[in-house]
Amino acid sequence: MGFCEHCEGQRFDRAQILRVLRATRKGLRDEGMSVSADRAVLLAINAVRTLAIPHIEVLDDDIESLVVH
């Protein structure tokens, strides 16, 4: 089963985000850091912000080529 370019991009972006979040969690565990929930969420947000995730926008006005996803 294939995915349209937009959906494939979203799957790739999701995978990148999950990897960076898991690495952040592992880093906190490895350092034995005890942080508040607020601090943990802030660290996660900052980790995701470091990613270069492009915005994919298809600018094709051809109704025949529309993909439902």
C-alpha atoms as a PDB file:
ATOM      1  CA  MET A   1       0.000   0.000   0.000  1.00  0.00           C
ATOM      2  CA  GLY A   2       1.400   3.366  -0.945  1.00  0.00           C
ATOM      3  CA  PHE A   3       0.898   6.788   0.532  1.00  0.00           C
ATOM      4  CA  CYS A   4       0.540  10.136  -1.169  1.00  0.00           C
ATOM      5  CA  GLU A   5       3.500  12.508  -0.851  1.00  0.00           C
ATOM      6  CA  HIS A   6       1.774  14.494   1.892  1.00  0.00           C
ATOM      7  CA  CYS A   7       0.951  11.447   4.024  1.00  0.00           C
ATOM      8  CA  GLU A   8       4.379   9.918   3.481  1.00  0.00           C
ATOM      9  CA  GLY A   9       5.896  13.191   4.684  1.00  0.00           C
ATOM     10  CA  GLN A  10       3.704  13.168   7.770  1.00  0.00           C
ATOM     11  CA  ARG A  11       4.770   9.592   8.574  1.00  0.00           C
ATOM     12  CA  PHE A  12       8.440  10.607   8.244  1.00  0.00           C
ATOM     13  CA  ASP A  13       7.911  13.719  10.414  1.00  0.00           C
ATOM     14  CA  ARG A  14       6.124  11.664  13.067  1.00  0.00           C
ATOM     15  CA  ALA A  15       8.981   9.167  13.135  1.00  0.00           C
ATOM     16  CA  GLN A  16      11.524  11.985  13.558  1.00  0.00           C
ATOM     17  CA  ILE A  17       9.568  13.496  16.424  1.00  0.00           C
ATOM     18  CA  LEU A  18       9.162  10.171  18.195  1.00  0.00           C
ATOM     19  CA  ARG A  19      12.911   9.495  17.893  1.00  0.00           C
ATOM     20  CA  VAL A  20      13.864  12.860  19.398  1.00  0.00           C
ATOM     21  CA  LEU A  21      11.320  12.478  22.216  1.00  0.00           C
ATOM     22  CA  ARG A  22      12.604   8.990  23.054  1.00  0.00           C
ATOM     23  CA  ALA A  23      16.188  10.282  23.039  1.00  0.00           C
ATOM     24  CA  THR A  24      15.184  13.110  25.397  1.00  0.00           C
ATOM     25  CA  ARG A  25      13.507  10.647  27.749  1.00  0.00           C
ATOM     26  CA  LYS A  26      16.536   8.353  27.634  1.00  0.00           C
ATOM     27  CA  GLY A  27      18.853  11.285  28.359  1.00  0.00           C
ATOM     28  CA  LEU A  28      16.844  12.193  31.432  1.00  0.00           C
ATOM     29  CA  ARG A  29      16.876   8.586  32.646  1.00  0.00           C
ATOM     30  CA  ASP A  30      20.595   8.112  31.979  1.00  0.00           C
ATOM     31  CA  GLU A  31      21.466  11.265  33.900  1.00  0.00           C
ATOM     32  CA  GLY A  32      19.191  10.203  36.735  1.00  0.00           C
ATOM     33  CA  MET A  33      17.490  13.567  36.566  1.00  0.00           C
ATOM     34  CA  SER A  34      14.290  14.048  38.471  1.00  0.00           C
ATOM     35  CA  VAL A  35      12.306  16.840  36.845  1.00  0.00           C
ATOM     36  CA  SER A  36       8.805  18.157  37.222  1.00  0.00           C
ATOM     37  CA  ALA A  37       6.190  17.366  34.603  1.00  0.00           C
ATOM     38  CA  ASP A  38       6.308  20.995  33.471  1.00  0.00           C
ATOM     39  CA  ARG A  39      10.100  20.847  32.991  1.00  0.00           C
ATOM     40  CA  ALA A  40       9.853  17.498  31.156  1.00  0.00           C
ATOM     41  CA  VAL A  41       7.285  18.917  28.724  1.00  0.00           C
ATOM     42  CA  LEU A  42       9.430  22.008  28.181  1.00  0.00           C
ATOM     43  CA  LEU A  43      12.462  19.814  27.401  1.00  0.00           C
ATOM     44  CA  ALA A  44      10.353  17.791  24.955  1.00  0.00           C
ATOM     45  CA  ILE A  45       9.065  20.924  23.212  1.00  0.00           C
ATOM     46  CA  ASN A  46      12.564  22.329  22.897  1.00  0.00           C
ATOM     47  CA  ALA A  47      13.849  19.022  21.512  1.00  0.00           C
ATOM     48  CA  VAL A  48      11.129  18.990  18.820  1.00  0.00           C
ATOM     49  CA  ARG A  49      11.854  22.632  17.967  1.00  0.00           C
ATOM     50  CA  THR A  50      15.397  21.670  16.986  1.00  0.00           C
ATOM     51  CA  LEU A  51      14.069  19.496  14.152  1.00  0.00           C
ATOM     52  CA  ALA A  52      13.964  20.875  10.634  1.00  0.00           C
ATOM     53  CA  ILE A  53      10.512  19.748   9.531  1.00  0.00           C
ATOM     54  CA  PRO A  54       9.488  21.205   6.184  1.00  0.00           C
ATOM     55  CA  HIS A  55       5.939  22.124   5.341  1.00  0.00           C
ATOM     56  CA  ILE A  56       4.739  20.263   2.286  1.00  0.00           C
ATOM     57  CA  GLU A  57       2.093  22.025   0.265  1.00  0.00           C
ATOM     58  CA  VAL A  58       0.906  20.722  -3.064  1.00  0.00           C
ATOM     59  CA  LEU A  59      -0.099  23.573  -5.349  1.00  0.00           C
ATOM     60  CA  ASP A  60      -1.866  21.609  -8.049  1.00  0.00           C
ATOM     61  CA  ASP A  61      -5.264  22.942  -9.070  1.00  0.00           C
ATOM     62  CA  ASP A  62      -6.033  19.915 -11.240  1.00  0.00           C
ATOM     63  CA  ILE A  63      -9.168  18.365  -9.718  1.00  0.00           C
ATOM     64  CA  GLU A  64      -8.371  15.033 -11.413  1.00  0.00           C
ATOM     65  CA  SER A  65      -5.177  14.615  -9.418  1.00  0.00           C
ATOM     66  CA  LEU A  66      -6.680  15.165  -5.946  1.00  0.00           C
ATOM     67  CA  VAL A  67      -5.949  12.432  -3.432  1.00  0.00           C
ATOM     68  CA  VAL A  68      -8.238  11.697  -0.536  1.00  0.00           C
ATOM     69  CA  HIS A  69      -6.356  10.768   2.590  1.00  0.00           C
END
